[in-house]
PDB file of N, CA and C in Angstrom:
ATOM      1  N   MET A   1    -151.118  61.144-135.640  1.00  0.00           N
ATOM      2  CA  MET A   1    -152.360  61.820-135.335  1.00  0.00           C
ATOM      3  C   MET A   1    -153.525  60.830-135.318  1.00  0.00           C
ATOM      4  N   ARG A   2    -153.551  59.933-136.320  1.00  0.00           N
ATOM      5  CA  ARG A   2    -154.629  58.940-136.371  1.00  0.00           C
ATOM      6  C   ARG A   2    -154.627  58.058-135.127  1.00  0.00           C
ATOM      7  N   GLY A   3    -153.418  57.720-134.654  1.00  0.00           N
ATOM      8  CA  GLY A   3    -153.288  56.881-133.468  1.00  0.00           C
ATOM      9  C   GLY A   3    -153.879  57.553-132.239  1.00  0.00           C
ATOM     10  N   LYS A   4    -153.648  58.851-132.098  1.00  0.00           N
ATOM     11  CA  LYS A   4    -154.189  59.596-130.958  1.00  0.00           C
ATOM     12  C   LYS A   4    -155.704  59.651-131.021  1.00  0.00           C
ATOM     13  N   ILE A   5    -156.248  59.874-132.198  1.00  0.00           N
ATOM     14  CA  ILE A   5    -157.706  59.916-132.359  1.00  0.00           C
ATOM     15  C   ILE A   5    -158.307  58.554-132.028  1.00  0.00           C
ATOM     16  N   LEU A   6    -157.660  57.488-132.467  1.00  0.00           N
ATOM     17  CA  LEU A   6    -158.147  56.141-132.184  1.00  0.00           C
ATOM     18  C   LEU A   6    -158.129  55.861-130.681  1.00  0.00           C
ATOM     19  N   VAL A   7    -157.079  56.270-129.987  1.00  0.00           N
ATOM     20  CA  VAL A   7    -156.985  56.073-128.536  1.00  0.00           C
ATOM     21  C   VAL A   7    -158.087  56.850-127.824  1.00  0.00           C
ATOM     22  N   VAL A   8    -158.302  58.087-128.197  1.00  0.00           N
ATOM     23  CA  VAL A   8    -159.350  58.909-127.587  1.00  0.00           C
ATOM     24  C   VAL A   8    -160.723  58.282-127.848  1.00  0.00           C
ATOM     25  N   ALA A   9    -160.962  57.830-129.063  1.00  0.00           N
ATOM     26  CA  ALA A   9    -162.243  57.200-129.403  1.00  0.00           C
ATOM     27  C   ALA A   9    -162.454  55.937-128.578  1.00  0.00           C
ATOM     28  N   MET A  10    -161.408  55.149-128.376  1.00  0.00           N
ATOM     29  CA  MET A  10    -161.533  53.922-127.577  1.00  0.00           C
ATOM     30  C   MET A  10    -161.818  54.253-126.115  1.00  0.00           C
ATOM     31  N   LEU A  11    -161.177  55.285-125.571  1.00  0.00           N
ATOM     32  CA  LEU A  11    -161.434  55.700-124.192  1.00  0.00           C
ATOM     33  C   LEU A  11    -162.878  56.162-124.012  1.00  0.00           C
ATOM     34  N   ILE A  12    -163.381  56.926-124.952  1.00  0.00           N
ATOM     35  CA  ILE A  12    -164.771  57.397-124.876  1.00  0.00           C
ATOM     36  C   ILE A  12    -165.730  56.213-124.971  1.00  0.00           C
ATOM     37  N   ALA A  13    -165.483  55.285-125.882  1.00  0.00           N
ATOM     38  CA  ALA A  13    -166.347  54.109-126.042  1.00  0.00           C
ATOM     39  C   ALA A  13    -166.322  53.246-124.789  1.00  0.00           C
ATOM     40  N   THR A  14    -165.160  53.053-124.200  1.00  0.00           N
ATOM     41  CA  THR A  14    -165.038  52.228-122.994  1.00  0.00           C
ATOM     42  C   THR A  14    -165.765  52.862-121.822  1.00  0.00           C
ATOM     43  N   SER A  15    -165.653  54.173-121.640  1.00  0.00           N
ATOM     44  CA  SER A  15    -166.309  54.831-120.516  1.00  0.00           C
ATOM     45  C   SER A  15    -167.821  54.808-120.676  1.00  0.00           C
ATOM     46  N   SER A  16    -168.349  54.891-121.884  1.00  0.00           N
ATOM     47  CA  SER A  16    -169.791  54.859-122.072  1.00  0.00           C
ATOM     48  C   SER A  16    -170.337  53.441-121.906  1.00  0.00           C
ATOM     49  N   ILE A  17    -169.544  52.422-122.241  1.00  0.00           N
ATOM     50  CA  ILE A  17    -169.975  51.035-122.039  1.00  0.00           C
ATOM     51  C   ILE A  17    -170.061  50.738-120.546  1.00  0.00           C
ATOM     52  N   ASP A  18    -169.133  51.254-119.779  1.00  0.00           N
ATOM     53  CA  ASP A  18    -169.094  51.020-118.339  1.00  0.00           C
ATOM     54  C   ASP A  18    -170.324  51.601-117.644  1.00  0.00           C
ATOM     55  N   ALA A  19    -170.926  52.649-118.167  1.00  0.00           N
ATOM     56  CA  ALA A  19    -172.058  53.320-117.537  1.00  0.00           C
ATOM     57  C   ALA A  19    -173.401  52.722-117.949  1.00  0.00           C
ATOM     58  N   GLN A  20    -173.421  51.700-118.775  1.00  0.00           N
ATOM     59  CA  GLN A  20    -174.660  51.127-119.283  1.00  0.00           C
ATOM     60  C   GLN A  20    -175.338  50.225-118.264  1.00  0.00           C
ATOM     61  N   ASN A  21    -176.657  50.145-118.311  1.00  0.00           N
ATOM     62  CA  ASN A  21    -177.436  49.183-117.545  1.00  0.00           C
ATOM     63  C   ASN A  21    -177.815  48.046-118.473  1.00  0.00           C
ATOM     64  N   VAL A  22    -177.991  46.847-117.912  1.00  0.00           N
ATOM     65  CA  VAL A  22    -178.325  45.664-118.703  1.00  0.00           C
ATOM     66  C   VAL A  22    -179.736  45.228-118.355  1.00  0.00           C
ATOM     67  N   GLY A  23    -180.549  44.986-119.358  1.00  0.00           N
ATOM     68  CA  GLY A  23    -181.911  44.525-119.148  1.00  0.00           C
ATOM     69  C   GLY A  23    -182.128  43.166-119.770  1.00  0.00           C
ATOM     70  N   ILE A  24    -182.787  42.270-119.035  1.00  0.00           N
ATOM     71  CA  ILE A  24    -183.180  40.969-119.564  1.00  0.00           C
ATOM     72  C   ILE A  24    -184.704  40.958-119.585  1.00  0.00           C
ATOM     73  N   GLY A  25    -185.264  41.039-120.763  1.00  0.00           N
ATOM     74  CA  GLY A  25    -186.709  41.136-120.909  1.00  0.00           C
ATOM     75  C   GLY A  25    -187.226  42.535-120.614  1.00  0.00           C
ATOM     76  N   VAL A  26    -186.327  43.509-120.520  1.00  0.00           N
ATOM     77  CA  VAL A  26    -186.686  44.895-120.205  1.00  0.00           C
ATOM     78  C   VAL A  26    -186.096  45.800-121.283  1.00  0.00           C
ATOM     79  N   PRO A  27    -186.920  46.565-121.992  1.00  0.00           N
ATOM     80  CA  PRO A  27    -186.384  47.397-123.068  1.00  0.00           C
ATOM     81  C   PRO A  27    -185.553  48.593-122.587  1.00  0.00           C
ATOM     82  N   ALA A  28    -185.857  49.143-121.397  1.00  0.00           N
ATOM     83  CA  ALA A  28    -185.123  50.311-120.887  1.00  0.00           C
ATOM     84  C   ALA A  28    -184.746  50.068-119.429  1.00  0.00           C
ATOM     85  N   PRO A  29    -183.649  49.338-119.154  1.00  0.00           N
ATOM     86  CA  PRO A  29    -183.273  49.018-117.772  1.00  0.00           C
ATOM     87  C   PRO A  29    -182.923  50.267-116.965  1.00  0.00           C
ATOM     88  N   THR A  30    -183.314  50.246-115.670  1.00  0.00           N
ATOM     89  CA  THR A  30    -183.056  51.380-114.794  1.00  0.00           C
ATOM     90  C   THR A  30    -182.026  51.063-113.718  1.00  0.00           C
ATOM     91  N   GLU A  31    -181.553  49.826-113.635  1.00  0.00           N
ATOM     92  CA  GLU A  31    -180.511  49.416-112.692  1.00  0.00           C
ATOM     93  C   GLU A  31    -179.409  48.727-113.485  1.00  0.00           C
ATOM     94  N   LYS A  32    -178.257  48.443-112.824  1.00  0.00           N
ATOM     95  CA  LYS A  32    -177.160  47.757-113.506  1.00  0.00           C
ATOM     96  C   LYS A  32    -177.635  46.460-114.139  1.00  0.00           C
ATOM     97  N   LEU A  33    -178.488  45.714-113.404  1.00  0.00           N
ATOM     98  CA  LEU A  33    -179.126  44.516-113.952  1.00  0.00           C
ATOM     99  C   LEU A  33    -180.603  44.622-113.644  1.00  0.00           C
ATOM    100  N   ASP A  34    -181.424  44.684-114.669  1.00  0.00           N
ATOM    101  CA  ASP A  34    -182.872  44.848-114.542  1.00  0.00           C
ATOM    102  C   ASP A  34    -183.518  43.648-115.226  1.00  0.00           C
ATOM    103  N   VAL A  35    -184.153  42.757-114.440  1.00  0.00           N
ATOM    104  CA  VAL A  35    -184.677  41.497-114.957  1.00  0.00           C
ATOM    105  C   VAL A  35    -186.194  41.473-114.836  1.00  0.00           C
ATOM    106  N   LEU A  36    -186.868  41.115-115.918  1.00  0.00           N
ATOM    107  CA  LEU A  36    -188.301  40.874-115.882  1.00  0.00           C
ATOM    108  C   LEU A  36    -188.475  39.359-115.862  1.00  0.00           C
ATOM    109  N   GLY A  37    -188.789  38.811-114.687  1.00  0.00           N
ATOM    110  CA  GLY A  37    -188.892  37.359-114.528  1.00  0.00           C
ATOM    111  C   GLY A  37    -188.130  36.919-113.296  1.00  0.00           C
ATOM    112  N   THR A  38    -187.817  35.638-113.215  1.00  0.00           N
ATOM    113  CA  THR A  38    -187.106  35.119-112.053  1.00  0.00           C
ATOM    114  C   THR A  38    -185.601  35.214-112.270  1.00  0.00           C
ATOM    115  N   ALA A  39    -184.873  35.183-111.157  1.00  0.00           N
ATOM    116  CA  ALA A  39    -183.414  35.284-111.240  1.00  0.00           C
ATOM    117  C   ALA A  39    -182.794  34.505-110.097  1.00  0.00           C
ATOM    118  N   ARG A  40    -181.568  34.091-110.291  1.00  0.00           N
ATOM    119  CA  ARG A  40    -180.791  33.460-109.226  1.00  0.00           C
ATOM    120  C   ARG A  40    -179.568  34.332-108.983  1.00  0.00           C
ATOM    121  N   LEU A  41    -179.407  34.764-107.743  1.00  0.00           N
ATOM    122  CA  LEU A  41    -178.277  35.612-107.389  1.00  0.00           C
ATOM    123  C   LEU A  41    -177.300  34.791-106.578  1.00  0.00           C
ATOM    124  N   ARG A  42    -176.200  34.422-107.174  1.00  0.00           N
ATOM    125  CA  ARG A  42    -175.226  33.536-106.544  1.00  0.00           C
ATOM    126  C   ARG A  42    -174.581  34.157-105.307  1.00  0.00           C
ATOM    127  N   ASN A  43    -174.480  35.493-105.245  1.00  0.00           N
ATOM    128  CA  ASN A  43    -173.857  36.106-104.074  1.00  0.00           C
ATOM    129  C   ASN A  43    -174.777  36.096-102.851  1.00  0.00           C
ATOM    130  N   LEU A  44    -176.023  35.665-102.996  1.00  0.00           N
ATOM    131  CA  LEU A  44    -176.921  35.529-101.845  1.00  0.00           C
ATOM    132  C   LEU A  44    -176.818  34.150-101.212  1.00  0.00           C
ATOM    133  N   ALA A  45    -176.134  33.229-101.870  1.00  0.00           N
ATOM    134  CA  ALA A  45    -176.015  31.862-101.346  1.00  0.00           C
ATOM    135  C   ALA A  45    -175.237  31.877-100.034  1.00  0.00           C
ATOM    136  N   SER A  46    -175.746  31.145 -99.047  1.00  0.00           N
ATOM    137  CA  SER A  46    -175.060  31.028 -97.761  1.00  0.00           C
ATOM    138  C   SER A  46    -175.588  29.778 -97.071  1.00  0.00           C
ATOM    139  N   PRO A  47    -174.880  29.278 -96.055  1.00  0.00           N
ATOM    140  CA  PRO A  47    -175.367  28.085 -95.355  1.00  0.00           C
ATOM    141  C   PRO A  47    -176.654  28.359 -94.580  1.00  0.00           C
ATOM    142  N   ASN A  48    -176.936  29.615 -94.286  1.00  0.00           N
ATOM    143  CA  ASN A  48    -178.155  29.982 -93.562  1.00  0.00           C
ATOM    144  C   ASN A  48    -179.069  30.781 -94.475  1.00  0.00           C
ATOM    145  N   TYR A  49    -180.331  30.846 -94.101  1.00  0.00           N
ATOM    146  CA  TYR A  49    -181.266  31.685 -94.841  1.00  0.00           C
ATOM    147  C   TYR A  49    -180.963  33.147 -94.558  1.00  0.00           C
ATOM    148  N   GLN A  50    -181.192  33.999 -95.536  1.00  0.00           N
ATOM    149  CA  GLN A  50    -181.008  35.427 -95.375  1.00  0.00           C
ATOM    150  C   GLN A  50    -182.303  36.133 -95.735  1.00  0.00           C
ATOM    151  N   VAL A  51    -182.556  37.253 -95.097  1.00  0.00           N
ATOM    152  CA  VAL A  51    -183.709  38.068 -95.439  1.00  0.00           C
ATOM    153  C   VAL A  51    -183.285  39.007 -96.558  1.00  0.00           C
ATOM    154  N   VAL A  52    -184.033  38.993 -97.647  1.00  0.00           N
ATOM    155  CA  VAL A  52    -183.771  39.871 -98.770  1.00  0.00           C
ATOM    156  C   VAL A  52    -184.934  40.857 -98.852  1.00  0.00           C
ATOM    157  N   TYR A  53    -184.622  42.124 -98.908  1.00  0.00           N
ATOM    158  CA  TYR A  53    -185.632  43.166 -98.944  1.00  0.00           C
ATOM    159  C   TYR A  53    -185.757  43.705-100.357  1.00  0.00           C
ATOM    160  N   ALA A  54    -186.954  44.083-100.729  1.00  0.00           N
ATOM    161  CA  ALA A  54    -187.200  44.735-102.013  1.00  0.00           C
ATOM    162  C   ALA A  54    -187.840  46.090-101.740  1.00  0.00           C
ATOM    163  N   ASP A  55    -187.289  47.131-102.343  1.00  0.00           N
ATOM    164  CA  ASP A  55    -187.897  48.449-102.178  1.00  0.00           C
ATOM    165  C   ASP A  55    -189.092  48.573-103.136  1.00  0.00           C
ATOM    166  N   PRO A  56    -189.840  49.658-103.083  1.00  0.00           N
ATOM    167  CA  PRO A  56    -191.024  49.797-103.953  1.00  0.00           C
ATOM    168  C   PRO A  56    -190.723  49.702-105.448  1.00  0.00           C
ATOM    169  N   ASN A  57    -189.447  49.891-105.831  1.00  0.00           N
ATOM    170  CA  ASN A  57    -189.072  49.784-107.245  1.00  0.00           C
ATOM    171  C   ASN A  57    -188.560  48.399-107.610  1.00  0.00           C
ATOM    172  N   GLY A  58    -188.525  47.465-106.630  1.00  0.00           N
ATOM    173  CA  GLY A  58    -188.044  46.123-106.908  1.00  0.00           C
ATOM    174  C   GLY A  58    -186.548  45.950-106.769  1.00  0.00           C
ATOM    175  N   VAL A  59    -185.846  46.938-106.239  1.00  0.00           N
ATOM    176  CA  VAL A  59    -184.405  46.842-106.037  1.00  0.00           C
ATOM    177  C   VAL A  59    -184.158  46.014-104.776  1.00  0.00           C
ATOM    178  N   LEU A  60    -183.339  44.954-104.890  1.00  0.00           N
ATOM    179  CA  LEU A  60    -183.089  44.028-103.796  1.00  0.00           C
ATOM    180  C   LEU A  60    -181.862  44.419-102.986  1.00  0.00           C
ATOM    181  N   THR A  61    -181.924  44.138-101.685  1.00  0.00           N
ATOM    182  CA  THR A  61    -180.784  44.338-100.802  1.00  0.00           C
ATOM    183  C   THR A  61    -180.865  43.305 -99.684  1.00  0.00           C
ATOM    184  N   ILE A  62    -179.718  42.926 -99.136  1.00  0.00           N
ATOM    185  CA  ILE A  62    -179.693  41.982 -98.019  1.00  0.00           C
ATOM    186  C   ILE A  62    -179.957  42.709 -96.711  1.00  0.00           C
ATOM    187  N   ASN A  63    -179.508  43.948 -96.602  1.00  0.00           N
ATOM    188  CA  ASN A  63    -179.685  44.720 -95.382  1.00  0.00           C
ATOM    189  C   ASN A  63    -181.019  45.435 -95.392  1.00  0.00           C
ATOM    190  N   ALA A  64    -181.633  45.522 -94.220  1.00  0.00           N
ATOM    191  CA  ALA A  64    -182.913  46.213 -94.097  1.00  0.00           C
ATOM    192  C   ALA A  64    -182.725  47.699 -94.393  1.00  0.00           C
ATOM    193  N   PRO A  65    -183.706  48.312 -95.057  1.00  0.00           N
ATOM    194  CA  PRO A  65    -183.634  49.756 -95.261  1.00  0.00           C
ATOM    195  C   PRO A  65    -183.606  50.475 -93.911  1.00  0.00           C
ATOM    196  N   ALA A  66    -183.099  51.679 -93.888  1.00  0.00           N
ATOM    197  CA  ALA A  66    -183.016  52.450 -92.646  1.00  0.00           C
ATOM    198  C   ALA A  66    -184.395  52.537 -91.993  1.00  0.00           C
ATOM    199  N   GLY A  67    -184.439  52.236 -90.715  1.00  0.00           N
ATOM    200  CA  GLY A  67    -185.700  52.304 -89.981  1.00  0.00           C
ATOM    201  C   GLY A  67    -186.543  51.048 -90.076  1.00  0.00           C
ATOM    202  N   ARG A  68    -186.116  50.078 -90.872  1.00  0.00           N
ATOM    203  CA  ARG A  68    -186.874  48.827 -91.026  1.00  0.00           C
ATOM    204  C   ARG A  68    -186.049  47.675 -90.479  1.00  0.00           C
ATOM    205  N   GLN A  69    -186.662  46.858 -89.645  1.00  0.00           N
ATOM    206  CA  GLN A  69    -185.978  45.687 -89.137  1.00  0.00           C
ATOM    207  C   GLN A  69    -186.946  44.516 -89.171  1.00  0.00           C
ATOM    208  N   ALA A  70    -186.417  43.318 -89.211  1.00  0.00           N
ATOM    209  CA  ALA A  70    -187.241  42.116 -89.234  1.00  0.00           C
ATOM    210  C   ALA A  70    -187.117  41.384 -87.909  1.00  0.00           C
ATOM    211  N   TRP A  71    -188.163  40.706 -87.495  1.00  0.00           N
ATOM    212  CA  TRP A  71    -188.086  39.815 -86.341  1.00  0.00           C
ATOM    213  C   TRP A  71    -187.471  38.523 -86.826  1.00  0.00           C
ATOM    214  N   MET A  72    -186.376  38.133 -86.214  1.00  0.00           N
ATOM    215  CA  MET A  72    -185.649  36.947 -86.636  1.00  0.00           C
ATOM    216  C   MET A  72    -186.120  35.733 -85.841  1.00  0.00           C
ATOM    217  N   VAL A  73    -186.069  34.553 -86.455  1.00  0.00           N
ATOM    218  CA  VAL A  73    -186.533  33.336 -85.782  1.00  0.00           C
ATOM    219  C   VAL A  73    -185.583  32.880 -84.688  1.00  0.00           C
ATOM    220  N   TYR A  74    -184.357  33.355 -84.691  1.00  0.00           N
ATOM    221  CA  TYR A  74    -183.395  32.984 -83.652  1.00  0.00           C
ATOM    222  C   TYR A  74    -183.288  34.055 -82.570  1.00  0.00           C
ATOM    223  N   GLY A  75    -184.186  35.018 -82.569  1.00  0.00           N
ATOM    224  CA  GLY A  75    -184.191  36.060 -81.548  1.00  0.00           C
ATOM    225  C   GLY A  75    -183.647  37.376 -82.065  1.00  0.00           C
ATOM    226  N   ASN A  76    -183.873  38.417 -81.282  1.00  0.00           N
ATOM    227  CA  ASN A  76    -183.412  39.755 -81.610  1.00  0.00           C
ATOM    228  C   ASN A  76    -182.686  40.343 -80.413  1.00  0.00           C
ATOM    229  N   ALA A  77    -181.834  41.307 -80.670  1.00  0.00           N
ATOM    230  CA  ALA A  77    -181.101  41.982 -79.602  1.00  0.00           C
ATOM    231  C   ALA A  77    -181.200  43.489 -79.815  1.00  0.00           C
ATOM    232  N   GLY A  78    -180.925  44.242 -78.761  1.00  0.00           N
ATOM    233  CA  GLY A  78    -180.927  45.694 -78.863  1.00  0.00           C
ATOM    234  C   GLY A  78    -182.316  46.294 -78.967  1.00  0.00           C
ATOM    235  N   LEU A  79    -183.292  45.663 -78.350  1.00  0.00           N
ATOM    236  CA  LEU A  79    -184.668  46.141 -78.425  1.00  0.00           C
ATOM    237  C   LEU A  79    -184.946  47.202 -77.372  1.00  0.00           C
ATOM    238  N   THR A  80    -185.870  48.093 -77.675  1.00  0.00           N
ATOM    239  CA  THR A  80    -186.275  49.146 -76.758  1.00  0.00           C
ATOM    240  C   THR A  80    -187.755  48.984 -76.451  1.00  0.00           C
ATOM    241  N   THR A  81    -188.086  48.860 -75.160  1.00  0.00           N
ATOM    242  CA  THR A  81    -189.487  48.726 -74.761  1.00  0.00           C
ATOM    243  C   THR A  81    -190.273  49.954 -75.220  1.00  0.00           C
ATOM    244  N   GLY A  82    -191.436  49.702 -75.795  1.00  0.00           N
ATOM    245  CA  GLY A  82    -192.270  50.798 -76.287  1.00  0.00           C
ATOM    246  C   GLY A  82    -191.989  51.157 -77.734  1.00  0.00           C
ATOM    247  N   THR A  83    -190.799  50.832 -78.211  1.00  0.00           N
ATOM    248  CA  THR A  83    -190.451  51.101 -79.610  1.00  0.00           C
ATOM    249  C   THR A  83    -190.549  49.828 -80.436  1.00  0.00           C
ATOM    250  N   HIS A  84    -189.997  48.731 -79.901  1.00  0.00           N
ATOM    251  CA  HIS A  84    -190.024  47.445 -80.586  1.00  0.00           C
ATOM    252  C   HIS A  84    -191.090  46.572 -79.936  1.00  0.00           C
ATOM    253  N   PHE A  85    -191.969  46.023 -80.722  1.00  0.00           N
ATOM    254  CA  PHE A  85    -193.065  45.224 -80.183  1.00  0.00           C
ATOM    255  C   PHE A  85    -193.601  44.285 -81.248  1.00  0.00           C
ATOM    256  N   LEU A  86    -194.330  43.276 -80.802  1.00  0.00           N
ATOM    257  CA  LEU A  86    -195.094  42.426 -81.706  1.00  0.00           C
ATOM    258  C   LEU A  86    -196.511  42.955 -81.674  1.00  0.00           C
ATOM    259  N   GLY A  87    -197.036  43.286 -82.804  1.00  0.00           N
ATOM    260  CA  GLY A  87    -198.388  43.832 -82.848  1.00  0.00           C
ATOM    261  C   GLY A  87    -198.608  44.586 -84.134  1.00  0.00           C
ATOM    262  N   THR A  88    -199.646  45.359 -84.149  1.00  0.00           N
ATOM    263  CA  THR A  88    -199.981  46.141 -85.335  1.00  0.00           C
ATOM    264  C   THR A  88    -199.945  47.622 -84.986  1.00  0.00           C
ATOM    265  N   THR A  89    -199.817  48.446 -85.987  1.00  0.00           N
ATOM    266  CA  THR A  89    -199.801  49.887 -85.759  1.00  0.00           C
ATOM    267  C   THR A  89    -201.109  50.535 -86.198  1.00  0.00           C
ATOM    268  N   ASP A  90    -202.090  49.710 -86.510  1.00  0.00           N
ATOM    269  CA  ASP A  90    -203.420  50.242 -86.825  1.00  0.00           C
ATOM    270  C   ASP A  90    -204.427  49.650 -85.837  1.00  0.00           C
ATOM    271  N   ALA A  91    -205.694  49.824 -86.068  1.00  0.00           N
ATOM    272  CA  ALA A  91    -206.729  49.372 -85.138  1.00  0.00           C
ATOM    273  C   ALA A  91    -207.154  47.923 -85.384  1.00  0.00           C
ATOM    274  N   VAL A  92    -206.357  47.154 -86.130  1.00  0.00           N
ATOM    275  CA  VAL A  92    -206.685  45.762 -86.432  1.00  0.00           C
ATOM    276  C   VAL A  92    -205.917  44.858 -85.476  1.00  0.00           C
ATOM    277  N   ALA A  93    -206.636  43.883 -84.884  1.00  0.00           N
ATOM    278  CA  ALA A  93    -206.028  42.985 -83.908  1.00  0.00           C
ATOM    279  C   ALA A  93    -205.023  42.035 -84.576  1.00  0.00           C
ATOM    280  N   LEU A  94    -204.030  41.620 -83.809  1.00  0.00           N
ATOM    281  CA  LEU A  94    -203.057  40.628 -84.260  1.00  0.00           C
ATOM    282  C   LEU A  94    -203.646  39.251 -84.002  1.00  0.00           C
ATOM    283  N   ASP A  95    -203.614  38.382 -84.999  1.00  0.00           N
ATOM    284  CA  ASP A  95    -204.267  37.078 -84.935  1.00  0.00           C
ATOM    285  C   ASP A  95    -203.204  35.976 -85.025  1.00  0.00           C
ATOM    286  N   PHE A  96    -203.037  35.175 -83.942  1.00  0.00           N
ATOM    287  CA  PHE A  96    -202.129  34.038 -83.955  1.00  0.00           C
ATOM    288  C   PHE A  96    -202.934  32.777 -84.213  1.00  0.00           C
ATOM    289  N   ARG A  97    -202.417  31.889 -85.056  1.00  0.00           N
ATOM    290  CA  ARG A  97    -203.110  30.640 -85.381  1.00  0.00           C
ATOM    291  C   ARG A  97    -202.150  29.480 -85.328  1.00  0.00           C
ATOM    292  N   THR A  98    -202.691  28.292 -85.106  1.00  0.00           N
ATOM    293  CA  THR A  98    -201.871  27.070 -85.122  1.00  0.00           C
ATOM    294  C   THR A  98    -202.350  26.153 -86.225  1.00  0.00           C
TER     295      THR A  98
END
């Protein structure tokens, strides 16, 4: 009987540890890894530069959020005239400088 209780207790402890978030410099982390300060993410390393996006909560992703795209320095494809453009969406002029 004691053995069964010990096994059940270990299963419960293991499942609750798996659901925990880790904070570095953060008392109550809200993501799997929540860092206050700088960080190095080894899985972002690549021979080319990558665009990393941050949402309003500081959550990072390599892929653009739905509806958001970046102009790439090597060109873009799949553009639609009237939808994709260089410019502003307010009444402020776009200013190019050298």
